[in-house]
């Protein structure tokens, strides 16, 4: 068991709370997991992988993940436009956490 990171300042000042602020939302962890699995993914591919996400929600989530430094967006100057997404080094540091969530889910699935 790890030590608690909650101190006198409350939960909102913890590393746990900060991490959740970066990955919270219905699709952010799914996007990160998809990028972990496939490494480089184009926007429409991501939409197909996630199926139920709307184009607007996917666009917003990717912009937030990019703004938080977890995802790198690369745009190619061509017509039609080609945009690829991949995990940044910071985003890759979340891989052990995503793997652990996957393992836990496989072991405890009802």
PDB file of N, CA and C in Angstrom:
ATOM      1  N   UNK A   1       0.849  -1.186   0.000  1.00  0.00           N
ATOM      2  CA  UNK A   1       0.000   0.000   0.000  1.00  0.00           C
ATOM      3  C   UNK A   1       0.887   1.240   0.000  1.00  0.00           C
ATOM      4  N   UNK A   2       0.530   2.223  -0.804  1.00  0.00           N
ATOM      5  CA  UNK A   2       1.322   3.445  -0.872  1.00  0.00           C
ATOM      6  C   UNK A   2       0.854   4.443   0.182  1.00  0.00           C
ATOM      7  N   UNK A   3       1.712   5.385   0.457  1.00  0.00           N
ATOM      8  CA  UNK A   3       1.376   6.431   1.423  1.00  0.00           C
ATOM      9  C   UNK A   3       0.329   7.370   0.826  1.00  0.00           C
ATOM     10  N   UNK A   4      -0.479   7.933   1.692  1.00  0.00           N
ATOM     11  CA  UNK A   4      -1.505   8.871   1.251  1.00  0.00           C
ATOM     12  C   UNK A   4      -0.864  10.174   0.815  1.00  0.00           C
ATOM     13  N   UNK A   5      -1.379  10.762  -0.263  1.00  0.00           N
ATOM     14  CA  UNK A   5      -0.847  12.060  -0.697  1.00  0.00           C
ATOM     15  C   UNK A   5      -1.770  13.193  -0.245  1.00  0.00           C
ATOM     16  N   UNK A   6      -2.804  12.860   0.521  1.00  0.00           N
ATOM     17  CA  UNK A   6      -3.703  13.888   1.049  1.00  0.00           C
ATOM     18  C   UNK A   6      -3.081  14.438   2.325  1.00  0.00           C
ATOM     19  N   UNK A   7      -2.932  15.731   2.354  1.00  0.00           N
ATOM     20  CA  UNK A   7      -2.401  16.357   3.563  1.00  0.00           C
ATOM     21  C   UNK A   7      -3.406  17.385   4.077  1.00  0.00           C
ATOM     22  N   UNK A   8      -2.963  18.286   4.882  1.00  0.00           N
ATOM     23  CA  UNK A   8      -3.851  19.281   5.465  1.00  0.00           C
ATOM     24  C   UNK A   8      -4.518  20.202   4.453  1.00  0.00           C
ATOM     25  N   UNK A   9      -4.014  20.255   3.235  1.00  0.00           N
ATOM     26  CA  UNK A   9      -4.578  21.123   2.211  1.00  0.00           C
ATOM     27  C   UNK A   9      -5.795  20.515   1.525  1.00  0.00           C
ATOM     28  N   UNK A  10      -6.058  19.235   1.748  1.00  0.00           N
ATOM     29  CA  UNK A  10      -7.212  18.595   1.134  1.00  0.00           C
ATOM     30  C   UNK A  10      -6.856  17.914  -0.174  1.00  0.00           C
ATOM     31  N   UNK A  11      -7.814  17.189  -0.708  1.00  0.00           N
ATOM     32  CA  UNK A  11      -7.614  16.388  -1.909  1.00  0.00           C
ATOM     33  C   UNK A  11      -7.300  17.221  -3.144  1.00  0.00           C
ATOM     34  N   UNK A  12      -7.892  18.409  -3.263  1.00  0.00           N
ATOM     35  CA  UNK A  12      -7.728  19.203  -4.492  1.00  0.00           C
ATOM     36  C   UNK A  12      -6.301  19.683  -4.724  1.00  0.00           C
ATOM     37  N   UNK A  13      -5.443  19.626  -3.744  1.00  0.00           N
ATOM     38  CA  UNK A  13      -4.049  20.071  -3.886  1.00  0.00           C
ATOM     39  C   UNK A  13      -3.088  18.898  -4.095  1.00  0.00           C
ATOM     40  N   UNK A  14      -3.596  17.696  -4.319  1.00  0.00           N
ATOM     41  CA  UNK A  14      -2.754  16.513  -4.425  1.00  0.00           C
ATOM     42  C   UNK A  14      -2.371  16.188  -5.866  1.00  0.00           C
ATOM     43  N   UNK A  15      -1.363  15.357  -5.994  1.00  0.00           N
ATOM     44  CA  UNK A  15      -0.981  14.847  -7.301  1.00  0.00           C
ATOM     45  C   UNK A  15      -2.095  14.029  -7.925  1.00  0.00           C
ATOM     46  N   UNK A  16      -2.842  13.318  -7.089  1.00  0.00           N
ATOM     47  CA  UNK A  16      -3.983  12.527  -7.565  1.00  0.00           C
ATOM     48  C   UNK A  16      -5.001  13.426  -8.255  1.00  0.00           C
ATOM     49  N   UNK A  17      -5.327  14.510  -7.620  1.00  0.00           N
ATOM     50  CA  UNK A  17      -6.294  15.449  -8.176  1.00  0.00           C
ATOM     51  C   UNK A  17      -5.774  16.073  -9.469  1.00  0.00           C
ATOM     52  N   UNK A  18      -4.495  16.405  -9.498  1.00  0.00           N
ATOM     53  CA  UNK A  18      -3.904  16.982 -10.710  1.00  0.00           C
ATOM     54  C   UNK A  18      -3.973  15.987 -11.869  1.00  0.00           C
ATOM     55  N   UNK A  19      -3.595  14.736 -11.591  1.00  0.00           N
ATOM     56  CA  UNK A  19      -3.640  13.705 -12.627  1.00  0.00           C
ATOM     57  C   UNK A  19      -5.052  13.542 -13.161  1.00  0.00           C
ATOM     58  N   UNK A  20      -6.031  13.483 -12.277  1.00  0.00           N
ATOM     59  CA  UNK A  20      -7.423  13.361 -12.705  1.00  0.00           C
ATOM     60  C   UNK A  20      -7.856  14.552 -13.549  1.00  0.00           C
ATOM     61  N   UNK A  21      -7.360  15.737 -13.224  1.00  0.00           N
ATOM     62  CA  UNK A  21      -7.740  16.921 -14.013  1.00  0.00           C
ATOM     63  C   UNK A  21      -7.255  16.810 -15.456  1.00  0.00           C
ATOM     64  N   UNK A  22      -6.166  16.093 -15.674  1.00  0.00           N
ATOM     65  CA  UNK A  22      -5.629  15.932 -17.029  1.00  0.00           C
ATOM     66  C   UNK A  22      -6.347  14.848 -17.827  1.00  0.00           C
ATOM     67  N   UNK A  23      -6.790  13.794 -17.147  1.00  0.00           N
ATOM     68  CA  UNK A  23      -7.343  12.640 -17.866  1.00  0.00           C
ATOM     69  C   UNK A  23      -8.833  12.455 -17.645  1.00  0.00           C
ATOM     70  N   UNK A  24      -9.462  13.376 -16.929  1.00  0.00           N
ATOM     71  CA  UNK A  24     -10.898  13.229 -16.677  1.00  0.00           C
ATOM     72  C   UNK A  24     -11.689  13.545 -17.934  1.00  0.00           C
ATOM     73  N   UNK A  25     -12.869  13.052 -17.974  1.00  0.00           N
ATOM     74  CA  UNK A  25     -13.723  13.209 -19.147  1.00  0.00           C
ATOM     75  C   UNK A  25     -14.035  11.835 -19.687  1.00  0.00           C
ATOM     76  N   UNK A  26     -15.073  11.752 -20.445  1.00  0.00           N
ATOM     77  CA  UNK A  26     -15.557  10.459 -20.910  1.00  0.00           C
ATOM     78  C   UNK A  26     -14.575   9.764 -21.851  1.00  0.00           C
ATOM     79  N   UNK A  27     -13.811  10.515 -22.650  1.00  0.00           N
ATOM     80  CA  UNK A  27     -13.013   9.893 -23.702  1.00  0.00           C
ATOM     81  C   UNK A  27     -11.502  10.079 -23.598  1.00  0.00           C
ATOM     82  N   UNK A  28     -11.022  10.923 -22.727  1.00  0.00           N
ATOM     83  CA  UNK A  28      -9.589  11.219 -22.716  1.00  0.00           C
ATOM     84  C   UNK A  28      -8.736   9.976 -22.471  1.00  0.00           C
ATOM     85  N   UNK A  29      -9.114   9.163 -21.510  1.00  0.00           N
ATOM     86  CA  UNK A  29      -8.327   7.960 -21.250  1.00  0.00           C
ATOM     87  C   UNK A  29      -8.416   6.992 -22.419  1.00  0.00           C
ATOM     88  N   UNK A  30      -9.549   6.933 -23.090  1.00  0.00           N
ATOM     89  CA  UNK A  30      -9.692   6.073 -24.266  1.00  0.00           C
ATOM     90  C   UNK A  30      -8.805   6.564 -25.404  1.00  0.00           C
ATOM     91  N   UNK A  31      -8.725   7.870 -25.578  1.00  0.00           N
ATOM     92  CA  UNK A  31      -7.851   8.451 -26.602  1.00  0.00           C
ATOM     93  C   UNK A  31      -6.401   8.115 -26.285  1.00  0.00           C
ATOM     94  N   UNK A  32      -5.997   8.314 -25.036  1.00  0.00           N
ATOM     95  CA  UNK A  32      -4.630   8.004 -24.633  1.00  0.00           C
ATOM     96  C   UNK A  32      -4.320   6.526 -24.834  1.00  0.00           C
ATOM     97  N   UNK A  33      -5.269   5.665 -24.483  1.00  0.00           N
ATOM     98  CA  UNK A  33      -5.071   4.230 -24.650  1.00  0.00           C
ATOM     99  C   UNK A  33      -4.935   3.872 -26.127  1.00  0.00           C
ATOM    100  N   UNK A  34      -5.746   4.474 -26.951  1.00  0.00           N
ATOM    101  CA  UNK A  34      -5.685   4.245 -28.396  1.00  0.00           C
ATOM    102  C   UNK A  34      -4.317   4.658 -28.941  1.00  0.00           C
ATOM    103  N   UNK A  35      -3.818   5.800 -28.520  1.00  0.00           N
ATOM    104  CA  UNK A  35      -2.500   6.260 -28.961  1.00  0.00           C
ATOM    105  C   UNK A  35      -1.391   5.371 -28.413  1.00  0.00           C
ATOM    106  N   UNK A  36      -1.603   4.833 -27.228  1.00  0.00           N
ATOM    107  CA  UNK A  36      -0.633   3.902 -26.661  1.00  0.00           C
ATOM    108  C   UNK A  36      -0.564   2.633 -27.511  1.00  0.00           C
ATOM    109  N   UNK A  37      -1.712   2.138 -27.939  1.00  0.00           N
ATOM    110  CA  UNK A  37      -1.779   0.901 -28.719  1.00  0.00           C
ATOM    111  C   UNK A  37      -1.284   1.074 -30.150  1.00  0.00           C
ATOM    112  N   UNK A  38      -1.682   2.160 -30.805  1.00  0.00           N
ATOM    113  CA  UNK A  38      -1.410   2.328 -32.232  1.00  0.00           C
ATOM    114  C   UNK A  38      -0.302   3.335 -32.550  1.00  0.00           C
ATOM    115  N   UNK A  39       0.207   4.013 -31.542  1.00  0.00           N
ATOM    116  CA  UNK A  39       1.320   4.974 -31.613  1.00  0.00           C
ATOM    117  C   UNK A  39       0.999   6.245 -32.389  1.00  0.00           C
ATOM    118  N   UNK A  40       0.745   6.163 -33.679  1.00  0.00           N
ATOM    119  CA  UNK A  40       0.406   7.347 -34.477  1.00  0.00           C
ATOM    120  C   UNK A  40      -0.957   7.094 -35.108  1.00  0.00           C
ATOM    121  N   UNK A  41      -1.891   8.027 -34.868  1.00  0.00           N
ATOM    122  CA  UNK A  41      -3.261   7.833 -35.338  1.00  0.00           C
ATOM    123  C   UNK A  41      -3.768   9.119 -35.975  1.00  0.00           C
ATOM    124  N   UNK A  42      -4.401   8.981 -37.118  1.00  0.00           N
ATOM    125  CA  UNK A  42      -5.034  10.122 -37.769  1.00  0.00           C
ATOM    126  C   UNK A  42      -6.414  10.349 -37.146  1.00  0.00           C
ATOM    127  N   UNK A  43      -6.930  11.559 -37.310  1.00  0.00           N
ATOM    128  CA  UNK A  43      -8.188  11.956 -36.674  1.00  0.00           C
ATOM    129  C   UNK A  43      -9.335  10.985 -37.007  1.00  0.00           C
ATOM    130  N   UNK A  44      -9.550  10.706 -38.289  1.00  0.00           N
ATOM    131  CA  UNK A  44     -10.665   9.834 -38.678  1.00  0.00           C
ATOM    132  C   UNK A  44     -10.474   8.399 -38.204  1.00  0.00           C
ATOM    133  N   UNK A  45      -9.227   7.944 -38.128  1.00  0.00           N
ATOM    134  CA  UNK A  45      -8.964   6.617 -37.562  1.00  0.00           C
ATOM    135  C   UNK A  45      -9.386   6.579 -36.099  1.00  0.00           C
ATOM    136  N   UNK A  46      -9.021   7.628 -35.377  1.00  0.00           N
ATOM    137  CA  UNK A  46      -9.374   7.720 -33.958  1.00  0.00           C
ATOM    138  C   UNK A  46     -10.890   7.683 -33.794  1.00  0.00           C
ATOM    139  N   UNK A  47     -11.584   8.400 -34.647  1.00  0.00           N
ATOM    140  CA  UNK A  47     -13.054   8.420 -34.605  1.00  0.00           C
ATOM    141  C   UNK A  47     -13.598   7.006 -34.811  1.00  0.00           C
ATOM    142  N   UNK A  48     -13.034   6.268 -35.748  1.00  0.00           N
ATOM    143  CA  UNK A  48     -13.484   4.887 -35.988  1.00  0.00           C
ATOM    144  C   UNK A  48     -13.190   3.982 -34.802  1.00  0.00           C
ATOM    145  N   UNK A  49     -12.024   4.139 -34.184  1.00  0.00           N
ATOM    146  CA  UNK A  49     -11.670   3.310 -33.034  1.00  0.00           C
ATOM    147  C   UNK A  49     -12.607   3.555 -31.853  1.00  0.00           C
ATOM    148  N   UNK A  50     -12.965   4.818 -31.636  1.00  0.00           N
ATOM    149  CA  UNK A  50     -13.769   5.182 -30.465  1.00  0.00           C
ATOM    150  C   UNK A  50     -15.275   5.096 -30.713  1.00  0.00           C
ATOM    151  N   UNK A  51     -15.666   4.989 -31.949  1.00  0.00           N
ATOM    152  CA  UNK A  51     -17.037   4.763 -32.412  1.00  0.00           C
ATOM    153  C   UNK A  51     -18.081   5.758 -31.908  1.00  0.00           C
ATOM    154  N   UNK A  52     -18.346   5.814 -30.618  1.00  0.00           N
ATOM    155  CA  UNK A  52     -19.482   6.600 -30.118  1.00  0.00           C
ATOM    156  C   UNK A  52     -19.166   8.081 -29.912  1.00  0.00           C
ATOM    157  N   UNK A  53     -17.932   8.482 -30.068  1.00  0.00           N
ATOM    158  CA  UNK A  53     -17.554   9.876 -29.838  1.00  0.00           C
ATOM    159  C   UNK A  53     -17.947  10.733 -31.053  1.00  0.00           C
ATOM    160  N   UNK A  54     -18.426  11.940 -30.787  1.00  0.00           N
ATOM    161  CA  UNK A  54     -18.753  12.855 -31.893  1.00  0.00           C
ATOM    162  C   UNK A  54     -17.469  13.528 -32.376  1.00  0.00           C
ATOM    163  N   UNK A  55     -17.500  14.060 -33.593  1.00  0.00           N
ATOM    164  CA  UNK A  55     -16.333  14.757 -34.135  1.00  0.00           C
ATOM    165  C   UNK A  55     -15.956  15.943 -33.259  1.00  0.00           C
ATOM    166  N   UNK A  56     -16.938  16.683 -32.788  1.00  0.00           N
ATOM    167  CA  UNK A  56     -16.681  17.864 -31.945  1.00  0.00           C
ATOM    168  C   UNK A  56     -16.034  17.470 -30.626  1.00  0.00           C
ATOM    169  N   UNK A  57     -16.563  16.428 -29.983  1.00  0.00           N
ATOM    170  CA  UNK A  57     -16.016  15.980 -28.705  1.00  0.00           C
ATOM    171  C   UNK A  57     -14.592  15.464 -28.880  1.00  0.00           C
ATOM    172  N   UNK A  58     -14.355  14.707 -29.947  1.00  0.00           N
ATOM    173  CA  UNK A  58     -13.010  14.209 -30.207  1.00  0.00           C
ATOM    174  C   UNK A  58     -12.050  15.367 -30.433  1.00  0.00           C
ATOM    175  N   UNK A  59     -12.450  16.334 -31.229  1.00  0.00           N
ATOM    176  CA  UNK A  59     -11.613  17.495 -31.500  1.00  0.00           C
ATOM    177  C   UNK A  59     -11.291  18.256 -30.213  1.00  0.00           C
ATOM    178  N   UNK A  60     -12.292  18.468 -29.386  1.00  0.00           N
ATOM    179  CA  UNK A  60     -12.099  19.188 -28.123  1.00  0.00           C
ATOM    180  C   UNK A  60     -11.160  18.425 -27.195  1.00  0.00           C
ATOM    181  N   UNK A  61     -11.388  17.126 -27.050  1.00  0.00           N
ATOM    182  CA  UNK A  61     -10.551  16.314 -26.159  1.00  0.00           C
ATOM    183  C   UNK A  61      -9.099  16.294 -26.647  1.00  0.00           C
ATOM    184  N   UNK A  62      -8.884  16.153 -27.946  1.00  0.00           N
ATOM    185  CA  UNK A  62      -7.526  16.153 -28.482  1.00  0.00           C
ATOM    186  C   UNK A  62      -6.840  17.502 -28.262  1.00  0.00           C
ATOM    187  N   UNK A  63      -7.573  18.593 -28.427  1.00  0.00           N
ATOM    188  CA  UNK A  63      -7.001  19.926 -28.186  1.00  0.00           C
ATOM    189  C   UNK A  63      -6.602  20.080 -26.721  1.00  0.00           C
ATOM    190  N   UNK A  64      -7.444  19.580 -25.806  1.00  0.00           N
ATOM    191  CA  UNK A  64      -7.125  19.672 -24.381  1.00  0.00           C
ATOM    192  C   UNK A  64      -5.913  18.813 -24.037  1.00  0.00           C
ATOM    193  N   UNK A  65      -5.853  17.603 -24.579  1.00  0.00           N
ATOM    194  CA  UNK A  65      -4.709  16.729 -24.323  1.00  0.00           C
ATOM    195  C   UNK A  65      -3.427  17.326 -24.895  1.00  0.00           C
ATOM    196  N   UNK A  66      -3.535  17.976 -26.041  1.00  0.00           N
ATOM    197  CA  UNK A  66      -2.376  18.648 -26.627  1.00  0.00           C
ATOM    198  C   UNK A  66      -1.954  19.841 -25.762  1.00  0.00           C
ATOM    199  N   UNK A  67      -2.923  20.613 -25.315  1.00  0.00           N
ATOM    200  CA  UNK A  67      -2.652  21.766 -24.460  1.00  0.00           C
ATOM    201  C   UNK A  67      -1.988  21.350 -23.143  1.00  0.00           C
ATOM    202  N   UNK A  68      -2.368  20.184 -22.632  1.00  0.00           N
ATOM    203  CA  UNK A  68      -1.799  19.666 -21.375  1.00  0.00           C
ATOM    204  C   UNK A  68      -0.460  18.964 -21.590  1.00  0.00           C
ATOM    205  N   UNK A  69      -0.012  18.890 -22.840  1.00  0.00           N
ATOM    206  CA  UNK A  69       1.289  18.312 -23.122  1.00  0.00           C
ATOM    207  C   UNK A  69       1.321  16.795 -23.150  1.00  0.00           C
ATOM    208  N   UNK A  70       0.160  16.155 -23.284  1.00  0.00           N
ATOM    209  CA  UNK A  70       0.103  14.695 -23.305  1.00  0.00           C
ATOM    210  C   UNK A  70       0.099  14.123 -24.719  1.00  0.00           C
ATOM    211  N   UNK A  71      -0.330  14.940 -25.685  1.00  0.00           N
ATOM    212  CA  UNK A  71      -0.460  14.498 -27.076  1.00  0.00           C
ATOM    213  C   UNK A  71       0.244  15.505 -27.979  1.00  0.00           C
ATOM    214  N   UNK A  72       0.878  14.987 -29.025  1.00  0.00           N
ATOM    215  CA  UNK A  72       1.506  15.839 -30.031  1.00  0.00           C
ATOM    216  C   UNK A  72       0.690  15.737 -31.315  1.00  0.00           C
ATOM    217  N   UNK A  73       0.373  16.888 -31.865  1.00  0.00           N
ATOM    218  CA  UNK A  73      -0.390  16.967 -33.115  1.00  0.00           C
ATOM    219  C   UNK A  73       0.569  17.395 -34.213  1.00  0.00           C
ATOM    220  N   UNK A  74       0.583  16.633 -35.311  1.00  0.00           N
ATOM    221  CA  UNK A  74       1.426  16.990 -36.449  1.00  0.00           C
ATOM    222  C   UNK A  74       0.548  17.141 -37.672  1.00  0.00           C
ATOM    223  N   UNK A  75       0.619  18.334 -38.257  1.00  0.00           N
ATOM    224  CA  UNK A  75      -0.187  18.644 -39.442  1.00  0.00           C
ATOM    225  C   UNK A  75       0.736  18.699 -40.653  1.00  0.00           C
ATOM    226  N   UNK A  76       0.328  18.012 -41.704  1.00  0.00           N
ATOM    227  CA  UNK A  76       1.090  18.001 -42.944  1.00  0.00           C
ATOM    228  C   UNK A  76       0.462  18.987 -43.930  1.00  0.00           C
ATOM    229  N   UNK A  77       1.288  19.816 -44.584  1.00  0.00           N
ATOM    230  CA  UNK A  77       0.758  20.818 -45.518  1.00  0.00           C
ATOM    231  C   UNK A  77       0.422  20.180 -46.871  1.00  0.00           C
ATOM    232  N   UNK A  78      -0.738  19.614 -46.950  1.00  0.00           N
ATOM    233  CA  UNK A  78      -1.184  18.991 -48.193  1.00  0.00           C
ATOM    234  C   UNK A  78      -2.695  19.101 -48.291  1.00  0.00           C
ATOM    235  N   UNK A  79      -3.214  18.777 -49.453  1.00  0.00           N
ATOM    236  CA  UNK A  79      -4.658  18.788 -49.658  1.00  0.00           C
ATOM    237  C   UNK A  79      -5.054  17.402 -50.125  1.00  0.00           C
ATOM    238  N   UNK A  80      -5.994  16.743 -49.462  1.00  0.00           N
ATOM    239  CA  UNK A  80      -6.672  17.177 -48.242  1.00  0.00           C
ATOM    240  C   UNK A  80      -5.713  17.176 -47.052  1.00  0.00           C
ATOM    241  N   UNK A  81      -6.043  17.956 -46.021  1.00  0.00           N
ATOM    242  CA  UNK A  81      -5.160  18.054 -44.864  1.00  0.00           C
ATOM    243  C   UNK A  81      -4.963  16.684 -44.199  1.00  0.00           C
ATOM    244  N   UNK A  82      -3.755  16.461 -43.741  1.00  0.00           N
ATOM    245  CA  UNK A  82      -3.427  15.227 -43.020  1.00  0.00           C
ATOM    246  C   UNK A  82      -2.913  15.633 -41.647  1.00  0.00           C
ATOM    247  N   UNK A  83      -3.572  15.121 -40.600  1.00  0.00           N
ATOM    248  CA  UNK A  83      -3.177  15.426 -39.228  1.00  0.00           C
ATOM    249  C   UNK A  83      -3.009  14.115 -38.485  1.00  0.00           C
ATOM    250  N   UNK A  84      -1.881  13.982 -37.795  1.00  0.00           N
ATOM    251  CA  UNK A  84      -1.611  12.785 -37.004  1.00  0.00           C
ATOM    252  C   UNK A  84      -1.411  13.168 -35.541  1.00  0.00           C
ATOM    253  N   UNK A  85      -1.763  12.244 -34.680  1.00  0.00           N
ATOM    254  CA  UNK A  85      -1.610  12.435 -33.242  1.00  0.00           C
ATOM    255  C   UNK A  85      -0.778  11.290 -32.679  1.00  0.00           C
ATOM    256  N   UNK A  86       0.038  11.626 -31.680  1.00  0.00           N
ATOM    257  CA  UNK A  86       0.806  10.607 -30.970  1.00  0.00           C
ATOM    258  C   UNK A  86       1.023  11.087 -29.544  1.00  0.00           C
ATOM    259  N   UNK A  87       1.402  10.166 -28.679  1.00  0.00           N
ATOM    260  CA  UNK A  87       1.686  10.540 -27.301  1.00  0.00           C
ATOM    261  C   UNK A  87       2.998  11.307 -27.232  1.00  0.00           C
ATOM    262  N   UNK A  88       3.018  12.333 -26.427  1.00  0.00           N
ATOM    263  CA  UNK A  88       4.267  13.036 -26.142  1.00  0.00           C
ATOM    264  C   UNK A  88       5.046  12.193 -25.129  1.00  0.00           C
ATOM    265  N   UNK A  89       6.246  12.624 -24.819  1.00  0.00           N
ATOM    266  CA  UNK A  89       7.012  11.929 -23.782  1.00  0.00           C
ATOM    267  C   UNK A  89       6.243  11.952 -22.458  1.00  0.00           C
ATOM    268  N   UNK A  90       5.633  13.076 -22.182  1.00  0.00           N
ATOM    269  CA  UNK A  90       4.829  13.198 -20.953  1.00  0.00           C
ATOM    270  C   UNK A  90       3.640  12.242 -21.001  1.00  0.00           C
ATOM    271  N   UNK A  91       2.981  12.151 -22.155  1.00  0.00           N
ATOM    272  CA  UNK A  91       1.866  11.225 -22.317  1.00  0.00           C
ATOM    273  C   UNK A  91       2.310   9.779 -22.196  1.00  0.00           C
ATOM    274  N   UNK A  92       3.492   9.459 -22.729  1.00  0.00           N
ATOM    275  CA  UNK A  92       4.020   8.106 -22.629  1.00  0.00           C
ATOM    276  C   UNK A  92       4.286   7.700 -21.187  1.00  0.00           C
ATOM    277  N   UNK A  93       4.543   8.681 -20.338  1.00  0.00           N
ATOM    278  CA  UNK A  93       4.774   8.362 -18.925  1.00  0.00           C
ATOM    279  C   UNK A  93       3.504   7.845 -18.245  1.00  0.00           C
ATOM    280  N   UNK A  94       2.345   8.013 -18.901  1.00  0.00           N
ATOM    281  CA  UNK A  94       1.088   7.474 -18.370  1.00  0.00           C
ATOM    282  C   UNK A  94       0.858   6.013 -18.759  1.00  0.00           C
ATOM    283  N   UNK A  95       1.675   5.465 -19.656  1.00  0.00           N
ATOM    284  CA  UNK A  95       1.473   4.096 -20.128  1.00  0.00           C
ATOM    285  C   UNK A  95       1.410   3.078 -18.990  1.00  0.00           C
ATOM    286  N   UNK A  96       2.308   3.117 -18.006  1.00  0.00           N
ATOM    287  CA  UNK A  96       2.191   2.131 -16.921  1.00  0.00           C
ATOM    288  C   UNK A  96       0.856   2.222 -16.171  1.00  0.00           C
ATOM    289  N   UNK A  97       0.328   3.423 -16.041  1.00  0.00           N
ATOM    290  CA  UNK A  97      -0.959   3.604 -15.368  1.00  0.00           C
ATOM    291  C   UNK A  97      -2.082   3.016 -16.222  1.00  0.00           C
ATOM    292  N   UNK A  98      -2.063   3.285 -17.520  1.00  0.00           N
ATOM    293  CA  UNK A  98      -3.083   2.744 -18.421  1.00  0.00           C
ATOM    294  C   UNK A  98      -2.999   1.226 -18.485  1.00  0.00           C
ATOM    295  N   UNK A  99      -1.774   0.688 -18.529  1.00  0.00           N
ATOM    296  CA  UNK A  99      -1.598  -0.764 -18.519  1.00  0.00           C
ATOM    297  C   UNK A  99      -2.159  -1.375 -17.241  1.00  0.00           C
ATOM    298  N   UNK A 100      -1.895  -0.721 -16.113  1.00  0.00           N
ATOM    299  CA  UNK A 100      -2.393  -1.234 -14.833  1.00  0.00           C
ATOM    300  C   UNK A 100      -3.920  -1.225 -14.802  1.00  0.00           C
ATOM    301  N   UNK A 101      -4.536  -0.186 -15.343  1.00  0.00           N
ATOM    302  CA  UNK A 101      -6.002  -0.142 -15.409  1.00  0.00           C
ATOM    303  C   UNK A 101      -6.544  -1.267 -16.283  1.00  0.00           C
ATOM    304  N   UNK A 102      -5.876  -1.521 -17.402  1.00  0.00           N
ATOM    305  CA  UNK A 102      -6.292  -2.594 -18.298  1.00  0.00           C
ATOM    306  C   UNK A 102      -6.177  -3.948 -17.599  1.00  0.00           C
ATOM    307  N   UNK A 103      -5.053  -4.179 -16.941  1.00  0.00           N
ATOM    308  CA  UNK A 103      -4.834  -5.440 -16.225  1.00  0.00           C
ATOM    309  C   UNK A 103      -5.876  -5.626 -15.124  1.00  0.00           C
ATOM    310  N   UNK A 104      -6.118  -4.575 -14.357  1.00  0.00           N
ATOM    311  CA  UNK A 104      -7.106  -4.661 -13.279  1.00  0.00           C
ATOM    312  C   UNK A 104      -8.476  -5.010 -13.853  1.00  0.00           C
ATOM    313  N   UNK A 105      -8.853  -4.350 -14.945  1.00  0.00           N
ATOM    314  CA  UNK A 105     -10.150  -4.604 -15.553  1.00  0.00           C
ATOM    315  C   UNK A 105     -10.279  -6.037 -16.064  1.00  0.00           C
ATOM    316  N   UNK A 106      -9.210  -6.577 -16.652  1.00  0.00           N
ATOM    317  CA  UNK A 106      -9.253  -7.960 -17.132  1.00  0.00           C
ATOM    318  C   UNK A 106      -9.377  -8.938 -15.967  1.00  0.00           C
ATOM    319  N   UNK A 107      -8.699  -8.645 -14.866  1.00  0.00           N
ATOM    320  CA  UNK A 107      -8.716  -9.549 -13.711  1.00  0.00           C
ATOM    321  C   UNK A 107      -9.999  -9.472 -12.901  1.00  0.00           C
ATOM    322  N   UNK A 108     -10.690  -8.347 -12.950  1.00  0.00           N
ATOM    323  CA  UNK A 108     -11.879  -8.148 -12.102  1.00  0.00           C
ATOM    324  C   UNK A 108     -13.166  -7.987 -12.875  1.00  0.00           C
ATOM    325  N   UNK A 109     -13.145  -8.269 -14.146  1.00  0.00           N
ATOM    326  CA  UNK A 109     -14.350  -8.169 -14.971  1.00  0.00           C
ATOM    327  C   UNK A 109     -15.397  -9.154 -14.467  1.00  0.00           C
ATOM    328  N   UNK A 110     -16.617  -8.665 -14.337  1.00  0.00           N
ATOM    329  CA  UNK A 110     -17.719  -9.522 -13.865  1.00  0.00           C
ATOM    330  C   UNK A 110     -18.538  -9.985 -15.041  1.00  0.00           C
TER     331      UNK A 110
END
